[in-house]
Amino acid sequence: GMCNILLGLIQKVVSSVHYSFGDKKEMAHIVVPAYSFFERMTVTKPGEQVPPMGETFPESKESIAQRKSSTKGDYDWNTEDTYSMSYHSMYFDLPSWRVVKVPVTPDLD
C-alpha cells in the first residue's frame, strides 16, 4: 500500500526508476541510473584535483539538464576517472536508509 504510493510518486519525478517487490526469481529492489539521478556530478580525470567534499560540486546548468534528460545507456563509465556525485532531499536520509518528514506518515525505514 504505502510503498506503492511512495514509489509511484518517485517514479513521476524520476521516470527511469524501476522497482520490484521481488518474487521467486528475483529479490526486491529499487534501481535508478546514477547518471541521471544525482543532482550534481563531476568527473575528474587522472592527475586532476577532485572537488572538495562538503561543498557544491561544480556543474553547469546546461550539463545538469543534459545529464538528467539522458536515456539509459548513453554514458560511458570508466575505471580511470573519479566520479563525485551529490543528492539532497529533505525526505530521504540516505545514510540511514530512511524516508523522513513525509506529511501524515511516520518516518519509514
N, C-alpha and C. Protein backbone atom coordinates (compact mmCIF):
# COMPACT_ATOMS: atom_id res chain seq x y z
N GLY A 1 0.79 -1.18 0.00
CA GLY A 1 0.00 0.00 0.00
C GLY A 1 0.85 1.26 0.00
N MET A 2 1.44 1.59 1.14
CA MET A 2 2.20 2.84 1.28
C MET A 2 3.44 2.82 0.38
N CYS A 3 4.09 1.67 0.27
CA CYS A 3 5.29 1.58 -0.59
C CYS A 3 4.92 1.85 -2.05
N ASN A 4 3.81 1.30 -2.51
CA ASN A 4 3.37 1.55 -3.89
C ASN A 4 3.12 3.03 -4.12
N ILE A 5 2.51 3.70 -3.16
CA ILE A 5 2.24 5.13 -3.28
C ILE A 5 3.54 5.92 -3.36
N LEU A 6 4.47 5.65 -2.42
CA LEU A 6 5.75 6.37 -2.41
C LEU A 6 6.56 6.11 -3.67
N LEU A 7 6.62 4.86 -4.10
CA LEU A 7 7.39 4.53 -5.30
C LEU A 7 6.73 5.12 -6.55
N GLY A 8 5.41 5.18 -6.57
CA GLY A 8 4.71 5.82 -7.68
C GLY A 8 5.03 7.30 -7.76
N LEU A 9 5.08 7.97 -6.60
CA LEU A 9 5.44 9.39 -6.58
C LEU A 9 6.88 9.60 -7.05
N ILE A 10 7.77 8.74 -6.59
CA ILE A 10 9.17 8.83 -7.02
C ILE A 10 9.27 8.64 -8.52
N GLN A 11 8.51 7.68 -9.05
CA GLN A 11 8.57 7.38 -10.48
C GLN A 11 8.05 8.56 -11.32
N LYS A 12 7.16 9.36 -10.78
CA LYS A 12 6.69 10.56 -11.51
C LYS A 12 7.79 11.60 -11.63
N VAL A 13 8.66 11.67 -10.62
CA VAL A 13 9.76 12.64 -10.63
C VAL A 13 10.96 12.10 -11.40
N VAL A 14 11.26 10.82 -11.20
CA VAL A 14 12.41 10.17 -11.85
C VAL A 14 11.85 9.02 -12.69
N SER A 15 11.54 9.31 -13.95
CA SER A 15 10.83 8.34 -14.79
C SER A 15 11.63 7.07 -15.06
N SER A 16 12.94 7.13 -14.92
CA SER A 16 13.77 5.95 -15.21
C SER A 16 13.90 5.00 -14.02
N VAL A 17 13.22 5.29 -12.90
CA VAL A 17 13.29 4.40 -11.75
C VAL A 17 12.54 3.10 -12.06
N HIS A 18 13.12 2.01 -11.63
CA HIS A 18 12.50 0.69 -11.77
C HIS A 18 12.48 0.05 -10.40
N TYR A 19 11.38 -0.60 -10.05
CA TYR A 19 11.32 -1.28 -8.76
C TYR A 19 10.54 -2.58 -8.87
N SER A 20 10.83 -3.46 -7.96
CA SER A 20 10.12 -4.74 -7.87
C SER A 20 10.09 -5.16 -6.41
N PHE A 21 8.97 -5.70 -5.98
CA PHE A 21 8.88 -6.22 -4.62
C PHE A 21 9.42 -7.64 -4.53
N GLY A 22 9.89 -8.16 -5.64
CA GLY A 22 10.51 -9.47 -5.67
C GLY A 22 9.51 -10.59 -5.87
N ASP A 23 10.06 -11.73 -6.21
CA ASP A 23 9.27 -12.95 -6.37
C ASP A 23 10.23 -14.13 -6.21
N LYS A 24 9.83 -15.28 -6.67
CA LYS A 24 10.68 -16.47 -6.51
C LYS A 24 11.98 -16.37 -7.31
N LYS A 25 11.98 -15.57 -8.37
CA LYS A 25 13.14 -15.49 -9.25
C LYS A 25 14.08 -14.32 -8.95
N GLU A 26 13.56 -13.24 -8.33
CA GLU A 26 14.42 -12.09 -8.06
C GLU A 26 14.09 -11.47 -6.71
N MET A 27 15.11 -10.86 -6.12
CA MET A 27 14.93 -10.19 -4.83
C MET A 27 14.30 -8.81 -5.05
N ALA A 28 13.70 -8.26 -4.01
CA ALA A 28 13.14 -6.92 -4.08
C ALA A 28 14.26 -5.91 -4.34
N HIS A 29 13.96 -4.88 -5.14
CA HIS A 29 14.98 -3.90 -5.46
C HIS A 29 14.36 -2.60 -5.97
N ILE A 30 15.16 -1.53 -5.89
CA ILE A 30 14.84 -0.24 -6.49
C ILE A 30 16.09 0.17 -7.26
N VAL A 31 15.93 0.52 -8.53
CA VAL A 31 17.06 0.85 -9.39
C VAL A 31 16.78 2.15 -10.13
N VAL A 32 17.77 3.01 -10.18
CA VAL A 32 17.68 4.23 -10.99
C VAL A 32 19.08 4.51 -11.53
N PRO A 33 19.20 4.89 -12.81
CA PRO A 33 20.53 5.18 -13.35
C PRO A 33 21.21 6.32 -12.60
N ALA A 34 22.38 6.08 -12.09
CA ALA A 34 23.12 7.09 -11.31
C ALA A 34 23.36 8.35 -12.14
N TYR A 35 23.64 8.18 -13.41
CA TYR A 35 23.99 9.32 -14.27
C TYR A 35 22.89 10.37 -14.30
N SER A 36 21.63 9.94 -14.32
CA SER A 36 20.53 10.91 -14.38
C SER A 36 19.90 11.18 -13.02
N PHE A 37 20.22 10.39 -12.01
CA PHE A 37 19.59 10.52 -10.69
C PHE A 37 20.19 11.63 -9.84
N PHE A 38 21.51 11.69 -9.77
CA PHE A 38 22.16 12.61 -8.84
C PHE A 38 21.96 14.07 -9.25
N GLU A 39 21.88 14.95 -8.26
CA GLU A 39 21.68 16.37 -8.54
C GLU A 39 22.89 16.97 -9.23
N ARG A 40 24.06 16.62 -8.77
CA ARG A 40 25.29 17.12 -9.38
C ARG A 40 26.26 15.97 -9.55
N MET A 41 27.04 16.05 -10.62
CA MET A 41 28.04 15.01 -10.88
C MET A 41 29.24 15.67 -11.54
N THR A 42 30.40 15.37 -11.02
CA THR A 42 31.65 15.90 -11.56
C THR A 42 32.57 14.74 -11.88
N VAL A 43 33.15 14.77 -13.05
CA VAL A 43 34.10 13.74 -13.46
C VAL A 43 35.50 14.36 -13.42
N THR A 44 36.39 13.71 -12.66
CA THR A 44 37.76 14.20 -12.52
C THR A 44 38.70 13.22 -13.22
N LYS A 45 39.47 13.73 -14.15
CA LYS A 45 40.44 12.91 -14.88
C LYS A 45 41.64 12.59 -13.99
N PRO A 46 42.36 11.49 -14.29
CA PRO A 46 43.55 11.16 -13.50
C PRO A 46 44.54 12.33 -13.46
N GLY A 47 45.06 12.61 -12.27
CA GLY A 47 46.02 13.69 -12.10
C GLY A 47 45.39 15.03 -11.76
N GLU A 48 44.07 15.17 -11.96
CA GLU A 48 43.39 16.41 -11.61
C GLU A 48 42.93 16.36 -10.16
N GLN A 49 42.68 17.53 -9.58
CA GLN A 49 42.22 17.63 -8.19
C GLN A 49 40.71 17.37 -8.13
N VAL A 50 40.31 16.45 -7.27
CA VAL A 50 38.87 16.18 -7.10
C VAL A 50 38.23 17.34 -6.34
N PRO A 51 36.93 17.58 -6.54
CA PRO A 51 36.29 18.68 -5.81
C PRO A 51 36.22 18.37 -4.32
N PRO A 52 36.28 19.40 -3.48
CA PRO A 52 36.24 19.16 -2.03
C PRO A 52 34.85 18.68 -1.59
N MET A 53 34.84 17.76 -0.64
CA MET A 53 33.59 17.29 -0.07
C MET A 53 33.00 18.38 0.81
N GLY A 54 31.69 18.39 0.95
CA GLY A 54 31.03 19.38 1.79
C GLY A 54 30.73 20.68 1.08
N GLU A 55 31.11 20.79 -0.18
CA GLU A 55 30.81 21.97 -0.99
C GLU A 55 30.03 21.52 -2.22
N THR A 56 29.31 22.44 -2.83
CA THR A 56 28.55 22.12 -4.04
C THR A 56 29.52 21.76 -5.16
N PHE A 57 29.30 20.62 -5.79
CA PHE A 57 30.17 20.20 -6.89
C PHE A 57 29.94 21.11 -8.10
N PRO A 58 31.00 21.48 -8.79
CA PRO A 58 30.85 22.37 -9.95
C PRO A 58 30.25 21.62 -11.14
N GLU A 59 29.11 22.11 -11.61
CA GLU A 59 28.48 21.56 -12.82
C GLU A 59 27.54 22.63 -13.36
N SER A 60 27.64 22.89 -14.65
CA SER A 60 26.81 23.94 -15.25
C SER A 60 25.34 23.51 -15.33
N LYS A 61 24.45 24.49 -15.40
CA LYS A 61 23.02 24.20 -15.53
C LYS A 61 22.75 23.42 -16.81
N GLU A 62 23.49 23.74 -17.87
CA GLU A 62 23.32 23.04 -19.15
C GLU A 62 23.72 21.58 -19.02
N SER A 63 24.83 21.33 -18.32
CA SER A 63 25.29 19.96 -18.12
C SER A 63 24.29 19.15 -17.29
N ILE A 64 23.75 19.77 -16.24
CA ILE A 64 22.76 19.09 -15.39
C ILE A 64 21.53 18.74 -16.22
N ALA A 65 21.03 19.69 -17.00
CA ALA A 65 19.83 19.45 -17.81
C ALA A 65 20.07 18.34 -18.82
N GLN A 66 21.22 18.35 -19.48
CA GLN A 66 21.54 17.31 -20.46
C GLN A 66 21.63 15.95 -19.80
N ARG A 67 22.30 15.89 -18.67
CA ARG A 67 22.50 14.62 -17.97
C ARG A 67 21.18 14.05 -17.48
N LYS A 68 20.33 14.89 -16.90
CA LYS A 68 19.06 14.42 -16.34
C LYS A 68 18.07 14.01 -17.43
N SER A 69 18.21 14.55 -18.63
CA SER A 69 17.30 14.17 -19.72
C SER A 69 17.82 12.99 -20.53
N SER A 70 18.97 12.46 -20.15
CA SER A 70 19.57 11.37 -20.91
C SER A 70 18.76 10.09 -20.75
N THR A 71 18.95 9.19 -21.70
CA THR A 71 18.29 7.89 -21.65
C THR A 71 19.28 6.85 -21.18
N LYS A 72 18.76 5.69 -20.84
CA LYS A 72 19.61 4.61 -20.34
C LYS A 72 20.70 4.27 -21.36
N GLY A 73 21.88 4.05 -20.84
CA GLY A 73 22.96 3.53 -21.65
C GLY A 73 23.70 4.53 -22.52
N ASP A 74 23.44 5.84 -22.35
CA ASP A 74 24.14 6.78 -23.22
C ASP A 74 25.31 7.47 -22.53
N TYR A 75 25.83 6.88 -21.47
CA TYR A 75 27.00 7.43 -20.81
C TYR A 75 28.04 6.33 -20.64
N ASP A 76 29.28 6.64 -20.97
CA ASP A 76 30.35 5.66 -20.87
C ASP A 76 31.13 5.86 -19.57
N TRP A 77 30.88 4.97 -18.61
CA TRP A 77 31.64 4.98 -17.36
C TRP A 77 32.99 4.34 -17.61
N ASN A 78 33.99 4.70 -16.83
CA ASN A 78 35.29 4.04 -16.96
C ASN A 78 35.92 3.92 -15.58
N THR A 79 36.98 3.16 -15.50
CA THR A 79 37.65 2.92 -14.22
C THR A 79 38.85 3.84 -14.00
N GLU A 80 39.08 4.77 -14.90
CA GLU A 80 40.21 5.70 -14.78
C GLU A 80 39.81 7.00 -14.07
N ASP A 81 38.63 7.52 -14.39
CA ASP A 81 38.17 8.79 -13.83
C ASP A 81 37.60 8.60 -12.43
N THR A 82 37.53 9.70 -11.67
CA THR A 82 36.89 9.71 -10.35
C THR A 82 35.57 10.43 -10.50
N TYR A 83 34.49 9.80 -10.05
CA TYR A 83 33.15 10.37 -10.15
C TYR A 83 32.71 10.87 -8.78
N SER A 84 32.37 12.15 -8.71
CA SER A 84 31.85 12.76 -7.48
C SER A 84 30.39 13.11 -7.73
N MET A 85 29.50 12.59 -6.89
CA MET A 85 28.07 12.78 -7.09
C MET A 85 27.41 13.24 -5.80
N SER A 86 26.36 14.06 -5.92
CA SER A 86 25.64 14.50 -4.73
C SER A 86 24.14 14.45 -4.97
N TYR A 87 23.41 14.22 -3.88
CA TYR A 87 21.96 14.20 -3.91
C TYR A 87 21.46 14.75 -2.58
N HIS A 88 20.51 15.65 -2.63
CA HIS A 88 19.95 16.23 -1.42
C HIS A 88 18.43 16.12 -1.46
N SER A 89 17.85 15.69 -0.36
CA SER A 89 16.39 15.65 -0.23
C SER A 89 16.02 15.75 1.23
N MET A 90 14.99 16.51 1.51
CA MET A 90 14.52 16.60 2.89
C MET A 90 13.72 15.37 3.29
N TYR A 91 13.40 14.50 2.31
CA TYR A 91 12.58 13.33 2.60
C TYR A 91 13.35 12.02 2.67
N PHE A 92 14.60 12.01 2.21
CA PHE A 92 15.38 10.78 2.23
C PHE A 92 16.64 10.98 3.06
N ASP A 93 16.81 10.15 4.04
CA ASP A 93 18.03 10.13 4.85
C ASP A 93 18.82 8.92 4.36
N LEU A 94 19.62 9.13 3.32
CA LEU A 94 20.32 8.02 2.68
C LEU A 94 21.28 7.27 3.59
N PRO A 95 22.05 7.95 4.47
CA PRO A 95 22.95 7.19 5.33
C PRO A 95 22.23 6.17 6.22
N SER A 96 21.00 6.47 6.63
CA SER A 96 20.27 5.52 7.48
C SER A 96 19.18 4.77 6.70
N TRP A 97 19.08 5.00 5.39
CA TRP A 97 18.09 4.36 4.54
C TRP A 97 16.68 4.54 5.10
N ARG A 98 16.32 5.80 5.40
CA ARG A 98 15.01 6.11 5.95
C ARG A 98 14.31 7.18 5.12
N VAL A 99 12.99 7.05 5.02
CA VAL A 99 12.15 8.10 4.46
C VAL A 99 11.66 8.90 5.65
N VAL A 100 11.88 10.21 5.63
CA VAL A 100 11.59 11.04 6.80
C VAL A 100 10.78 12.29 6.41
N LYS A 101 10.09 12.84 7.39
CA LYS A 101 9.39 14.12 7.27
C LYS A 101 8.32 14.16 6.18
N VAL A 102 7.75 13.01 5.82
CA VAL A 102 6.65 12.99 4.86
C VAL A 102 5.38 13.31 5.63
N PRO A 103 4.61 14.30 5.17
CA PRO A 103 3.40 14.66 5.91
C PRO A 103 2.45 13.46 6.10
N VAL A 104 1.81 13.42 7.21
CA VAL A 104 0.84 12.39 7.64
C VAL A 104 1.37 10.96 7.72
N THR A 105 2.67 10.79 7.74
CA THR A 105 3.21 9.44 7.93
C THR A 105 4.38 9.51 8.90
N PRO A 106 4.57 8.44 9.65
CA PRO A 106 5.78 8.39 10.49
C PRO A 106 6.99 8.13 9.60
N ASP A 107 8.18 8.36 10.13
CA ASP A 107 9.39 8.03 9.38
C ASP A 107 9.40 6.54 9.07
N LEU A 108 9.89 6.19 7.88
CA LEU A 108 9.90 4.80 7.43
C LEU A 108 11.33 4.32 7.24
N ASP A 109 11.59 3.08 7.61
CA ASP A 109 12.90 2.50 7.32
C ASP A 109 12.75 1.12 6.75
